[in-house]
Protein backbone atom coordinates (compact mmCIF):
# COMPACT_ATOMS: atom_id res chain seq x y z
CA MET A 1 -13.04 4.93 18.61
CA LYS A 2 -11.99 8.16 16.93
CA VAL A 3 -12.99 10.11 13.67
CA ALA A 4 -9.13 9.90 12.52
CA ASP A 5 -9.82 6.06 12.73
CA ILE A 6 -12.54 6.19 10.45
CA LEU A 7 -10.82 8.54 7.80
CA LYS A 8 -7.92 5.79 7.77
CA GLU A 9 -10.22 3.49 7.11
CA LYS A 10 -12.56 5.81 4.20
CA GLY A 11 -10.19 7.89 2.91
CA ARG A 12 -10.02 11.97 3.08
CA ARG A 13 -11.63 12.45 -0.13
CA VAL A 14 -13.99 15.57 -0.11
CA VAL A 15 -16.42 16.24 -3.03
CA SER A 16 -17.15 19.93 -3.15
CA THR A 17 -19.28 22.45 -5.13
CA GLN A 18 -19.42 26.36 -5.52
CA LEU A 19 -22.34 28.57 -4.61
CA GLU A 20 -22.82 29.39 -8.02
CA VAL A 21 -23.72 25.89 -9.50
CA ASN A 22 -27.05 24.87 -10.54
CA VAL A 23 -28.80 22.74 -8.44
CA SER A 24 -29.58 20.31 -10.86
CA ASP A 25 -25.72 19.72 -11.59
CA VAL A 26 -25.18 19.30 -8.21
CA ALA A 27 -27.88 16.40 -7.98
CA GLU A 28 -26.18 15.00 -11.09
CA LEU A 29 -22.70 15.23 -9.05
CA LEU A 30 -24.45 13.51 -5.88
CA ARG A 31 -25.82 10.87 -7.90
CA GLU A 32 -22.30 10.39 -10.03
CA GLU A 33 -20.32 10.02 -6.78
CA GLY A 34 -22.76 7.95 -5.12
CA ILE A 35 -23.03 10.46 -2.08
CA GLY A 36 -25.75 12.38 0.07
CA ALA A 37 -24.01 15.65 0.47
CA ALA A 38 -21.43 17.83 -1.08
CA LEU A 39 -19.61 20.50 0.52
CA VAL A 40 -20.07 24.11 -0.61
CA GLU A 41 -16.74 26.06 -1.21
CA GLN A 42 -16.07 29.75 -1.52
CA GLY A 43 -13.56 30.89 -4.23
CA ASP A 44 -11.00 30.97 -1.51
CA GLY A 45 -11.61 27.34 -0.14
CA VAL A 46 -13.56 28.52 2.87
CA ILE A 47 -16.71 26.50 3.71
CA ALA A 48 -19.73 28.28 2.67
CA GLY A 49 -21.95 25.55 3.42
CA ILE A 50 -22.95 21.93 2.43
CA ILE A 51 -26.07 20.64 0.33
CA SER A 52 -27.69 17.36 0.75
CA GLU A 53 -29.97 15.20 -1.13
CA ARG A 54 -32.40 16.12 1.73
CA ASP A 55 -31.82 20.06 1.01
CA ILE A 56 -32.89 19.24 -2.73
CA VAL A 57 -35.80 17.01 -2.05
CA ARG A 58 -37.09 20.18 0.42
CA GLY A 59 -36.12 22.62 -2.19
CA PHE A 60 -38.35 20.89 -4.49
CA ALA A 61 -41.42 20.41 -2.15
CA ASP A 62 -40.89 24.36 -1.68
CA HIS A 63 -40.54 25.43 -4.92
CA GLY A 64 -41.56 22.89 -7.71
CA VAL A 65 -40.21 23.34 -11.04
CA ARG A 66 -38.67 26.56 -10.39
CA LEU A 67 -35.70 24.44 -8.28
CA SER A 68 -34.31 23.87 -11.59
CA GLU A 69 -33.54 27.55 -11.78
CA MET A 70 -31.89 27.93 -8.72
CA THR A 71 -28.46 27.52 -7.54
CA VAL A 72 -26.55 25.69 -4.36
CA ALA A 73 -26.59 28.94 -2.75
CA ASP A 74 -30.36 28.95 -2.67
CA LEU A 75 -30.87 25.87 -0.87
CA MET A 76 -27.62 24.95 0.77
CA THR A 77 -27.32 24.79 4.98
CA SER A 78 -24.98 27.32 5.86
CA SER A 79 -24.95 26.81 9.34
CA VAL A 80 -22.14 23.46 9.14
CA ILE A 81 -21.52 21.82 12.11
CA THR A 82 -17.73 20.21 11.74
CA CYS A 83 -15.70 17.53 13.85
CA SER A 84 -12.15 17.42 14.40
CA PRO A 85 -10.34 13.94 13.81
CA GLU A 86 -10.03 13.55 17.56
CA THR A 87 -13.93 13.39 18.10
CA GLU A 88 -14.96 10.25 19.44
CA THR A 89 -17.49 8.58 17.70
CA ASP A 90 -20.24 8.52 20.42
CA GLU A 91 -19.94 12.38 20.47
CA LEU A 92 -19.89 12.44 16.74
CA MET A 93 -23.30 10.18 16.98
CA GLU A 94 -24.65 11.93 19.57
CA GLN A 95 -24.20 15.44 17.44
CA MET A 96 -25.63 13.87 14.33
CA LEU A 97 -28.56 12.54 15.73
CA SER A 98 -29.54 15.40 17.92
CA GLY A 99 -28.94 17.79 14.88
CA HIS A 100 -30.88 15.80 12.46
CA PHE A 101 -27.66 15.61 9.75
CA ARG A 102 -25.97 12.71 8.35
CA HIS A 103 -22.68 14.33 7.18
CA LEU A 104 -20.18 16.11 9.15
CA PRO A 105 -16.88 17.81 7.95
CA VAL A 106 -13.80 16.87 9.34
CA VAL A 107 -11.57 19.71 10.48
CA GLU A 108 -7.82 20.28 11.75
CA ASN A 109 -6.21 23.30 12.59
CA GLY A 110 -8.71 25.09 10.48
CA ASN A 111 -8.22 22.99 7.26
CA LEU A 112 -10.51 20.69 5.89
CA VAL A 113 -9.33 16.84 6.21
CA GLY A 114 -12.21 14.86 5.43
CA ILE A 115 -15.87 14.31 5.45
CA ILE A 116 -17.75 11.81 7.88
CA SER A 117 -21.29 10.49 7.16
CA ILE A 118 -23.66 8.75 9.56
CA GLY A 119 -23.41 5.44 7.30
CA ASP A 120 -19.22 5.74 8.08
CA VAL A 121 -19.88 6.06 11.84
CA VAL A 122 -22.67 2.68 11.78
CA ARG A 123 -19.76 0.75 9.73
CA SER A 124 -17.10 1.58 12.24
CA VAL A 125 -19.30 0.86 15.45
CA PHE A 126 -20.29 -2.49 14.06
CA SER A 127 -16.89 -3.16 13.20
CA GLU A 128 -16.07 -2.41 16.78
CA LEU A 129 -18.77 -4.46 18.18
CA LYS A 130 -17.77 -7.55 16.25
CA TRP A 131 -14.48 -7.15 17.43
CA ILE A 132 -15.75 -7.21 21.11
CA ARG A 133 -17.89 -9.82 20.67
CA SER A 134 -15.25 -12.29 19.05
CA ALA A 135 -13.23 -11.23 22.21
CA LEU A 136 -15.76 -12.03 24.57
CA GLU A 137 -16.55 -15.14 23.10
CA ASP A 138 -12.78 -16.16 23.27
CA GLN A 139 -12.67 -15.24 27.34
CA VAL A 140 -15.62 -17.47 27.51
CA VAL A 141 -14.35 -20.45 25.51
CA ARG A 142 -10.85 -20.04 27.87
CA SER A 143 -12.70 -19.88 31.04
CA THR A 144 -14.77 -22.79 30.15
CA ALA A 145 -11.62 -24.81 29.33
CA TRP A 146 -10.28 -23.72 32.50
CA ALA A 147 -13.11 -24.54 34.56
CA THR A 148 -13.01 -28.28 32.99
CA ASP A 149 -9.24 -28.65 33.22
CA GLU A 150 -9.62 -28.68 36.95
CA ASP A 151 -12.14 -31.95 36.85
């Protein structure tokens, strides 16, 4: 399965924020949207980074109450790894697991076309496994029926 298949299922909507936005406002945005990360865009639409719940928690541990005075630019992860719609899910899982991140922007021809979370990947793999199981069960039933027809 490819990233493009996941995007067909979940959609291509991406929630983003700006560098100068206050961290508490971003935390509120994540809560309202029910998501774990937002892309950070520069004024020209270029991806400047990504900010996640994990970044905010780490910021609180490092800065305490001063966190409320900080901006997205102070906490975001600026080295953003991306994937393409043609990336296979097994490669995607390997990237996410080895890099210890849960969100991956999807870029095609230099344009942002979506974002994939580890939850999206797990859902797609689970769906694929259910399909494989069903196909195997059908084969077993057919082969059992075929074997009993010869008796």
